PDB file of N, CA and C in Angstrom:
ATOM      1  N   MET A   1      30.099 157.714  59.440  1.00  0.00           N
ATOM      2  CA  MET A   1      30.939 158.897  59.472  1.00  0.00           C
ATOM      3  C   MET A   1      30.373 159.929  60.443  1.00  0.00           C
ATOM      4  N   LYS A   2      29.034 160.023  60.472  1.00  0.00           N
ATOM      5  CA  LYS A   2      28.403 160.995  61.360  1.00  0.00           C
ATOM      6  C   LYS A   2      28.721 160.684  62.827  1.00  0.00           C
ATOM      7  N   VAL A   3      28.742 159.407  63.176  1.00  0.00           N
ATOM      8  CA  VAL A   3      29.033 159.005  64.556  1.00  0.00           C
ATOM      9  C   VAL A   3      30.460 159.394  64.940  1.00  0.00           C
ATOM     10  N   ILE A   4      31.389 159.209  64.030  1.00  0.00           N
ATOM     11  CA  ILE A   4      32.786 159.573  64.294  1.00  0.00           C
ATOM     12  C   ILE A   4      32.910 161.074  64.512  1.00  0.00           C
ATOM     13  N   LEU A   5      32.237 161.855  63.688  1.00  0.00           N
ATOM     14  CA  LEU A   5      32.296 163.310  63.842  1.00  0.00           C
ATOM     15  C   LEU A   5      31.639 163.765  65.141  1.00  0.00           C
ATOM     16  N   LEU A   6      30.542 163.108  65.521  1.00  0.00           N
ATOM     17  CA  LEU A   6      29.905 163.414  66.803  1.00  0.00           C
ATOM     18  C   LEU A   6      30.830 163.054  67.965  1.00  0.00           C
ATOM     19  N   ALA A   7      31.473 161.915  67.884  1.00  0.00           N
ATOM     20  CA  ALA A   7      32.407 161.507  68.934  1.00  0.00           C
ATOM     21  C   ALA A   7      33.560 162.502  69.046  1.00  0.00           C
ATOM     22  N   LEU A   8      34.069 162.962  67.918  1.00  0.00           N
ATOM     23  CA  LEU A   8      35.133 163.961  67.922  1.00  0.00           C
ATOM     24  C   LEU A   8      34.654 165.257  68.574  1.00  0.00           C
ATOM     25  N   GLY A   9      33.446 165.670  68.266  1.00  0.00           N
ATOM     26  CA  GLY A   9      32.882 166.866  68.878  1.00  0.00           C
ATOM     27  C   GLY A   9      32.748 166.723  70.384  1.00  0.00           C
ATOM     28  N   PHE A  10      32.254 165.573  70.848  1.00  0.00           N
ATOM     29  CA  PHE A  10      32.150 165.337  72.290  1.00  0.00           C
ATOM     30  C   PHE A  10      33.525 165.340  72.949  1.00  0.00           C
ATOM     31  N   MET A  11      34.510 164.753  72.284  1.00  0.00           N
ATOM     32  CA  MET A  11      35.856 164.735  72.829  1.00  0.00           C
ATOM     33  C   MET A  11      36.388 166.156  73.002  1.00  0.00           C
ATOM     34  N   ILE A  12      36.161 167.003  72.015  1.00  0.00           N
ATOM     35  CA  ILE A  12      36.614 168.387  72.092  1.00  0.00           C
ATOM     36  C   ILE A  12      35.929 169.116  73.243  1.00  0.00           C
ATOM     37  N   VAL A  13      34.641 168.887  73.406  1.00  0.00           N
ATOM     38  CA  VAL A  13      33.905 169.516  74.514  1.00  0.00           C
ATOM     39  C   VAL A  13      34.478 169.048  75.849  1.00  0.00           C
ATOM     40  N   PHE A  14      34.651 167.738  76.028  1.00  0.00           N
ATOM     41  CA  PHE A  14      35.168 167.210  77.285  1.00  0.00           C
ATOM     42  C   PHE A  14      36.582 167.709  77.568  1.00  0.00           C
ATOM     43  N   GLU A  15      37.408 167.818  76.531  1.00  0.00           N
ATOM     44  CA  GLU A  15      38.766 168.321  76.711  1.00  0.00           C
ATOM     45  C   GLU A  15      38.770 169.787  77.138  1.00  0.00           C
ATOM     46  N   GLY A  16      37.758 170.541  76.754  1.00  0.00           N
ATOM     47  CA  GLY A  16      37.716 171.955  77.082  1.00  0.00           C
ATOM     48  C   GLY A  16      37.073 172.279  78.417  1.00  0.00           C
ATOM     49  N   VAL A  17      36.379 171.318  79.028  1.00  0.00           N
ATOM     50  CA  VAL A  17      35.669 171.595  80.277  1.00  0.00           C
ATOM     51  C   VAL A  17      36.639 171.899  81.418  1.00  0.00           C
ATOM     52  N   PHE A  18      37.678 171.099  81.594  1.00  0.00           N
ATOM     53  CA  PHE A  18      38.600 171.286  82.713  1.00  0.00           C
ATOM     54  C   PHE A  18      39.310 172.637  82.665  1.00  0.00           C
ATOM     55  N   PRO A  19      39.912 173.034  81.540  1.00  0.00           N
ATOM     56  CA  PRO A  19      40.531 174.360  81.521  1.00  0.00           C
ATOM     57  C   PRO A  19      39.525 175.505  81.634  1.00  0.00           C
ATOM     58  N   LEU A  20      38.285 175.274  81.248  1.00  0.00           N
ATOM     59  CA  LEU A  20      37.260 176.298  81.387  1.00  0.00           C
ATOM     60  C   LEU A  20      36.888 176.505  82.850  1.00  0.00           C
ATOM     61  N   ILE A  21      36.735 175.408  83.594  1.00  0.00           N
ATOM     62  CA  ILE A  21      36.295 175.485  84.986  1.00  0.00           C
ATOM     63  C   ILE A  21      37.445 175.854  85.930  1.00  0.00           C
ATOM     64  N   ALA A  22      38.620 175.275  85.723  1.00  0.00           N
ATOM     65  CA  ALA A  22      39.750 175.487  86.639  1.00  0.00           C
ATOM     66  C   ALA A  22      41.044 175.678  85.852  1.00  0.00           C
ATOM     67  N   PRO A  23      41.218 176.844  85.215  1.00  0.00           N
ATOM     68  CA  PRO A  23      42.400 177.034  84.371  1.00  0.00           C
ATOM     69  C   PRO A  23      43.726 176.954  85.133  1.00  0.00           C
ATOM     70  N   GLY A  24      43.763 177.471  86.369  1.00  0.00           N
ATOM     71  CA  GLY A  24      45.004 177.408  87.146  1.00  0.00           C
ATOM     72  C   GLY A  24      45.400 175.984  87.473  1.00  0.00           C
ATOM     73  N   LEU A  25      44.445 175.189  87.924  1.00  0.00           N
ATOM     74  CA  LEU A  25      44.704 173.790  88.240  1.00  0.00           C
ATOM     75  C   LEU A  25      45.091 173.021  86.980  1.00  0.00           C
ATOM     76  N   TRP A  26      44.456 173.358  85.873  1.00  0.00           N
ATOM     77  CA  TRP A  26      44.784 172.719  84.592  1.00  0.00           C
ATOM     78  C   TRP A  26      46.241 173.003  84.219  1.00  0.00           C
ATOM     79  N   GLN A  27      46.682 174.257  84.395  1.00  0.00           N
ATOM     80  CA  GLN A  27      48.070 174.604  84.083  1.00  0.00           C
ATOM     81  C   GLN A  27      49.045 173.880  85.003  1.00  0.00           C
ATOM     82  N   GLN A  28      48.704 173.792  86.293  1.00  0.00           N
ATOM     83  CA  GLN A  28      49.564 173.064  87.225  1.00  0.00           C
ATOM     84  C   GLN A  28      49.671 171.594  86.825  1.00  0.00           C
ATOM     85  N   SER A  29      48.566 171.021  86.403  1.00  0.00           N
ATOM     86  CA  SER A  29      48.575 169.624  85.966  1.00  0.00           C
ATOM     87  C   SER A  29      49.488 169.438  84.756  1.00  0.00           C
ATOM     88  N   LEU A  30      49.411 170.366  83.813  1.00  0.00           N
ATOM     89  CA  LEU A  30      50.275 170.274  82.631  1.00  0.00           C
ATOM     90  C   LEU A  30      51.748 170.400  83.005  1.00  0.00           C
ATOM     91  N   GLU A  31      52.054 171.273  83.959  1.00  0.00           N
ATOM     92  CA  GLU A  31      53.439 171.414  84.410  1.00  0.00           C
ATOM     93  C   GLU A  31      53.940 170.119  85.042  1.00  0.00           C
ATOM     94  N   LYS A  32      53.118 169.498  85.879  1.00  0.00           N
ATOM     95  CA  LYS A  32      53.507 168.232  86.511  1.00  0.00           C
ATOM     96  C   LYS A  32      53.702 167.139  85.467  1.00  0.00           C
ATOM     97  N   ILE A  33      52.800 167.074  84.515  1.00  0.00           N
ATOM     98  CA  ILE A  33      52.910 166.053  83.465  1.00  0.00           C
ATOM     99  C   ILE A  33      54.179 166.263  82.642  1.00  0.00           C
ATOM    100  N   SER A  34      54.546 167.524  82.406  1.00  0.00           N
ATOM    101  CA  SER A  34      55.738 167.800  81.596  1.00  0.00           C
ATOM    102  C   SER A  34      57.019 167.355  82.283  1.00  0.00           C
ATOM    103  N   ARG A  35      56.971 167.160  83.604  1.00  0.00           N
ATOM    104  CA  ARG A  35      58.163 166.704  84.345  1.00  0.00           C
ATOM    105  C   ARG A  35      58.253 165.179  84.423  1.00  0.00           C
ATOM    106  N   ILE A  36      57.218 164.480  83.996  1.00  0.00           N
ATOM    107  CA  ILE A  36      57.222 163.013  84.039  1.00  0.00           C
ATOM    108  C   ILE A  36      58.057 162.483  82.880  1.00  0.00           C
ATOM    109  N   ASN A  37      58.709 161.372  83.123  1.00  0.00           N
ATOM    110  CA  ASN A  37      59.513 160.705  82.097  1.00  0.00           C
ATOM    111  C   ASN A  37      58.636 160.444  80.865  1.00  0.00           C
ATOM    112  N   PRO A  38      59.095 160.809  79.669  1.00  0.00           N
ATOM    113  CA  PRO A  38      58.293 160.606  78.458  1.00  0.00           C
ATOM    114  C   PRO A  38      57.872 159.147  78.243  1.00  0.00           C
ATOM    115  N   GLU A  39      58.699 158.204  78.645  1.00  0.00           N
ATOM    116  CA  GLU A  39      58.339 156.792  78.474  1.00  0.00           C
ATOM    117  C   GLU A  39      57.141 156.432  79.364  1.00  0.00           C
ATOM    118  N   THR A  40      57.073 157.013  80.535  1.00  0.00           N
ATOM    119  CA  THR A  40      55.936 156.777  81.425  1.00  0.00           C
ATOM    120  C   THR A  40      54.666 157.364  80.825  1.00  0.00           C
ATOM    121  N   VAL A  41      54.781 158.546  80.249  1.00  0.00           N
ATOM    122  CA  VAL A  41      53.633 159.169  79.589  1.00  0.00           C
ATOM    123  C   VAL A  41      53.178 158.301  78.412  1.00  0.00           C
ATOM    124  N   ARG A  42      54.131 157.779  77.661  1.00  0.00           N
ATOM    125  CA  ARG A  42      53.807 156.926  76.510  1.00  0.00           C
ATOM    126  C   ARG A  42      53.076 155.666  76.964  1.00  0.00           C
ATOM    127  N   ARG A  43      53.541 155.050  78.052  1.00  0.00           N
ATOM    128  CA  ARG A  43      52.889 153.835  78.551  1.00  0.00           C
ATOM    129  C   ARG A  43      51.470 154.132  79.040  1.00  0.00           C
ATOM    130  N   ALA A  44      51.299 155.255  79.743  1.00  0.00           N
ATOM    131  CA  ALA A  44      49.963 155.625  80.218  1.00  0.00           C
ATOM    132  C   ALA A  44      49.031 155.872  79.030  1.00  0.00           C
ATOM    133  N   ALA A  45      49.538 156.532  78.007  1.00  0.00           N
ATOM    134  CA  ALA A  45      48.737 156.790  76.810  1.00  0.00           C
ATOM    135  C   ALA A  45      48.373 155.487  76.111  1.00  0.00           C
ATOM    136  N   MET A  46      49.309 154.549  76.079  1.00  0.00           N
ATOM    137  CA  MET A  46      49.039 153.262  75.447  1.00  0.00           C
ATOM    138  C   MET A  46      47.926 152.526  76.191  1.00  0.00           C
ATOM    139  N   VAL A  47      47.972 152.556  77.524  1.00  0.00           N
ATOM    140  CA  VAL A  47      46.916 151.918  78.314  1.00  0.00           C
ATOM    141  C   VAL A  47      45.570 152.572  78.023  1.00  0.00           C
ATOM    142  N   MET A  48      45.543 153.902  77.926  1.00  0.00           N
ATOM    143  CA  MET A  48      44.293 154.603  77.652  1.00  0.00           C
ATOM    144  C   MET A  48      43.767 154.267  76.262  1.00  0.00           C
ATOM    145  N   VAL A  49      44.634 154.175  75.275  1.00  0.00           N
ATOM    146  CA  VAL A  49      44.206 153.830  73.917  1.00  0.00           C
ATOM    147  C   VAL A  49      43.643 152.407  73.892  1.00  0.00           C
ATOM    148  N   ILE A  50      44.326 151.477  74.541  1.00  0.00           N
ATOM    149  CA  ILE A  50      43.842 150.091  74.575  1.00  0.00           C
ATOM    150  C   ILE A  50      42.505 150.014  75.299  1.00  0.00           C
ATOM    151  N   ALA A  51      42.380 150.740  76.421  1.00  0.00           N
ATOM    152  CA  ALA A  51      41.110 150.750  77.151  1.00  0.00           C
ATOM    153  C   ALA A  51      39.996 151.343  76.294  1.00  0.00           C
ATOM    154  N   GLY A  52      40.291 152.407  75.572  1.00  0.00           N
ATOM    155  CA  GLY A  52      39.296 153.017  74.695  1.00  0.00           C
ATOM    156  C   GLY A  52      38.877 152.098  73.567  1.00  0.00           C
ATOM    157  N   LEU A  53      39.838 151.430  72.972  1.00  0.00           N
ATOM    158  CA  LEU A  53      39.509 150.487  71.907  1.00  0.00           C
ATOM    159  C   LEU A  53      38.699 149.313  72.454  1.00  0.00           C
ATOM    160  N   GLY A  54      39.056 148.865  73.648  1.00  0.00           N
ATOM    161  CA  GLY A  54      38.286 147.798  74.276  1.00  0.00           C
ATOM    162  C   GLY A  54      36.856 148.226  74.546  1.00  0.00           C
ATOM    163  N   TRP A  55      36.687 149.449  75.023  1.00  0.00           N
ATOM    164  CA  TRP A  55      35.345 149.993  75.285  1.00  0.00           C
ATOM    165  C   TRP A  55      34.541 150.050  73.979  1.00  0.00           C
ATOM    166  N   ILE A  56      35.162 150.527  72.921  1.00  0.00           N
ATOM    167  CA  ILE A  56      34.478 150.613  71.617  1.00  0.00           C
ATOM    168  C   ILE A  56      34.103 149.207  71.149  1.00  0.00           C
ATOM    169  N   TRP A  57      35.008 148.249  71.314  1.00  0.00           N
ATOM    170  CA  TRP A  57      34.728 146.879  70.890  1.00  0.00           C
ATOM    171  C   TRP A  57      33.546 146.303  71.665  1.00  0.00           C
ATOM    172  N   VAL A  58      33.534 146.503  72.982  1.00  0.00           N
ATOM    173  CA  VAL A  58      32.425 145.992  73.803  1.00  0.00           C
ATOM    174  C   VAL A  58      31.105 146.610  73.354  1.00  0.00           C
ATOM    175  N   LEU A  59      31.103 147.902  73.144  1.00  0.00           N
ATOM    176  CA  LEU A  59      29.866 148.586  72.749  1.00  0.00           C
ATOM    177  C   LEU A  59      29.370 148.129  71.378  1.00  0.00           C
ATOM    178  N   THR A  60      30.276 147.923  70.448  1.00  0.00           N
ATOM    179  CA  THR A  60      29.850 147.525  69.111  1.00  0.00           C
ATOM    180  C   THR A  60      29.528 146.035  69.022  1.00  0.00           C
ATOM    181  N   ALA A  61      30.147 145.217  69.855  1.00  0.00           N
ATOM    182  CA  ALA A  61      29.951 143.774  69.759  1.00  0.00           C
ATOM    183  C   ALA A  61      28.760 143.279  70.586  1.00  0.00           C
ATOM    184  N   PHE A  62      28.492 143.929  71.700  1.00  0.00           N
ATOM    185  CA  PHE A  62      27.518 143.381  72.638  1.00  0.00           C
ATOM    186  C   PHE A  62      26.314 144.274  72.912  1.00  0.00           C
ATOM    187  N   VAL A  63      26.330 145.474  72.456  1.00  0.00           N
ATOM    188  CA  VAL A  63      25.203 146.380  72.758  1.00  0.00           C
ATOM    189  C   VAL A  63      24.395 146.619  71.509  1.00  0.00           C
TER     190      VAL A  63
END
């Protein structure tokens, strides 16, 4: 459980770095993303989730 909470904390930190360093660019990125077809966003998110799960599997199975 501690590892999951640490991972969540790191995720929150990483998510906050970009808007902290370049808030204007971050807002422009969000505007561009909001104009993309929702199905395309869903597919990109699915690829990222699968890649993340694959990364977790590799780390837990082989390291």
